[in-house]
């Protein structure tokens, strides 16, 4: 199993998915800059 953290604002998701061979157990988490800012603020 692999885990991928994907920045949807800077990664072409279609090209990323075409360029890799994934397993059924792989996990994907899509994040954007606004999500990251929120997470950082909530931790402070």
N, C-alpha and C. Protein backbone atom coordinates (compact mmCIF):
# COMPACT_ATOMS: atom_id res chain seq x y z
N UNK A 1 0.84 -1.18 0.00
CA UNK A 1 0.00 0.00 0.00
C UNK A 1 0.89 1.24 0.00
N UNK A 2 0.52 2.19 -0.83
CA UNK A 2 1.21 3.48 -0.87
C UNK A 2 0.20 4.58 -0.59
N UNK A 3 0.71 5.67 -0.04
CA UNK A 3 -0.14 6.83 0.24
C UNK A 3 0.41 8.01 -0.55
N UNK A 4 -0.48 8.70 -1.24
CA UNK A 4 -0.10 9.84 -2.06
C UNK A 4 -0.81 11.09 -1.55
N UNK A 5 -0.05 12.12 -1.28
CA UNK A 5 -0.58 13.43 -0.91
C UNK A 5 -0.41 14.31 -2.14
N UNK A 6 -1.50 14.71 -2.75
CA UNK A 6 -1.46 15.39 -4.05
C UNK A 6 -1.91 16.83 -3.90
N UNK A 7 -1.06 17.74 -4.30
CA UNK A 7 -1.39 19.17 -4.31
C UNK A 7 -2.17 19.45 -5.59
N UNK A 8 -3.47 19.62 -5.48
CA UNK A 8 -4.30 19.74 -6.67
C UNK A 8 -4.11 21.07 -7.40
N UNK A 9 -3.50 22.04 -6.76
CA UNK A 9 -3.27 23.33 -7.41
C UNK A 9 -2.01 23.31 -8.27
N UNK A 10 -1.11 22.38 -8.04
CA UNK A 10 0.16 22.37 -8.75
C UNK A 10 0.46 21.08 -9.52
N UNK A 11 -0.42 20.11 -9.43
CA UNK A 11 -0.19 18.84 -10.10
C UNK A 11 -1.32 18.60 -11.10
N UNK A 12 -0.95 18.21 -12.30
CA UNK A 12 -1.95 17.81 -13.28
C UNK A 12 -2.39 16.40 -12.92
N UNK A 13 -3.55 16.30 -12.33
CA UNK A 13 -4.03 15.02 -11.79
C UNK A 13 -4.19 13.97 -12.88
N UNK A 14 -4.66 14.36 -14.03
CA UNK A 14 -4.85 13.41 -15.13
C UNK A 14 -3.51 12.81 -15.57
N UNK A 15 -2.49 13.63 -15.72
CA UNK A 15 -1.17 13.12 -16.09
C UNK A 15 -0.57 12.25 -15.00
N UNK A 16 -0.77 12.65 -13.75
CA UNK A 16 -0.26 11.87 -12.63
C UNK A 16 -0.87 10.47 -12.63
N UNK A 17 -2.17 10.39 -12.81
CA UNK A 17 -2.85 9.10 -12.78
C UNK A 17 -2.46 8.22 -13.96
N UNK A 18 -2.18 8.83 -15.09
CA UNK A 18 -1.78 8.07 -16.27
C UNK A 18 -0.33 7.58 -16.17
N UNK A 19 0.49 8.30 -15.44
CA UNK A 19 1.92 7.98 -15.41
C UNK A 19 2.30 6.92 -14.38
N UNK A 20 1.40 6.55 -13.52
CA UNK A 20 1.69 5.58 -12.46
C UNK A 20 0.82 4.35 -12.59
N UNK A 21 1.32 3.24 -12.08
CA UNK A 21 0.51 2.03 -11.94
C UNK A 21 0.17 1.89 -10.46
N UNK A 22 -1.11 1.97 -10.16
CA UNK A 22 -1.55 1.96 -8.77
C UNK A 22 -2.13 0.61 -8.40
N UNK A 23 -2.05 0.33 -7.10
CA UNK A 23 -2.67 -0.88 -6.57
C UNK A 23 -4.01 -0.51 -5.96
N UNK A 24 -4.87 -1.48 -5.77
CA UNK A 24 -6.19 -1.22 -5.19
C UNK A 24 -6.09 -0.72 -3.75
N UNK A 25 -5.01 -1.03 -3.08
CA UNK A 25 -4.86 -0.63 -1.68
C UNK A 25 -4.24 0.76 -1.51
N UNK A 26 -3.85 1.40 -2.61
CA UNK A 26 -3.24 2.73 -2.52
C UNK A 26 -4.27 3.76 -2.05
N UNK A 27 -3.79 4.74 -1.31
CA UNK A 27 -4.65 5.81 -0.79
C UNK A 27 -4.23 7.14 -1.40
N UNK A 28 -5.21 8.00 -1.65
CA UNK A 28 -4.96 9.31 -2.23
C UNK A 28 -5.61 10.38 -1.37
N UNK A 29 -4.85 11.43 -1.10
CA UNK A 29 -5.37 12.58 -0.37
C UNK A 29 -5.10 13.82 -1.21
N UNK A 30 -6.16 14.52 -1.57
CA UNK A 30 -6.04 15.72 -2.38
C UNK A 30 -6.09 16.93 -1.46
N UNK A 31 -5.11 17.80 -1.60
CA UNK A 31 -5.07 19.00 -0.77
C UNK A 31 -4.85 20.21 -1.66
N UNK A 32 -5.24 21.36 -1.14
CA UNK A 32 -4.97 22.62 -1.81
C UNK A 32 -4.31 23.55 -0.81
N UNK A 33 -3.84 24.67 -1.27
CA UNK A 33 -3.18 25.62 -0.37
C UNK A 33 -4.12 26.08 0.73
N UNK A 34 -5.39 26.26 0.43
CA UNK A 34 -6.33 26.70 1.45
C UNK A 34 -6.49 25.65 2.54
N UNK A 35 -6.48 24.37 2.18
CA UNK A 35 -6.54 23.30 3.18
C UNK A 35 -5.31 23.34 4.08
N UNK A 36 -4.16 23.52 3.48
CA UNK A 36 -2.92 23.53 4.25
C UNK A 36 -2.87 24.71 5.20
N UNK A 37 -3.32 25.87 4.75
CA UNK A 37 -3.34 27.05 5.62
C UNK A 37 -4.27 26.82 6.80
N UNK A 38 -5.43 26.24 6.54
CA UNK A 38 -6.38 25.96 7.60
C UNK A 38 -5.79 25.00 8.63
N UNK A 39 -5.13 23.97 8.16
CA UNK A 39 -4.53 23.00 9.08
C UNK A 39 -3.44 23.65 9.93
N UNK A 40 -2.65 24.51 9.32
CA UNK A 40 -1.59 25.18 10.07
C UNK A 40 -2.17 26.12 11.11
N UNK A 41 -3.21 26.86 10.76
CA UNK A 41 -3.82 27.80 11.71
C UNK A 41 -4.47 27.06 12.87
N UNK A 42 -5.09 25.94 12.59
CA UNK A 42 -5.77 25.21 13.65
C UNK A 42 -4.78 24.57 14.62
N UNK A 43 -3.54 24.36 14.19
CA UNK A 43 -2.52 23.77 15.06
C UNK A 43 -1.88 24.82 15.98
N UNK A 44 -1.96 26.09 15.58
CA UNK A 44 -1.29 27.15 16.36
C UNK A 44 -2.10 27.61 17.53
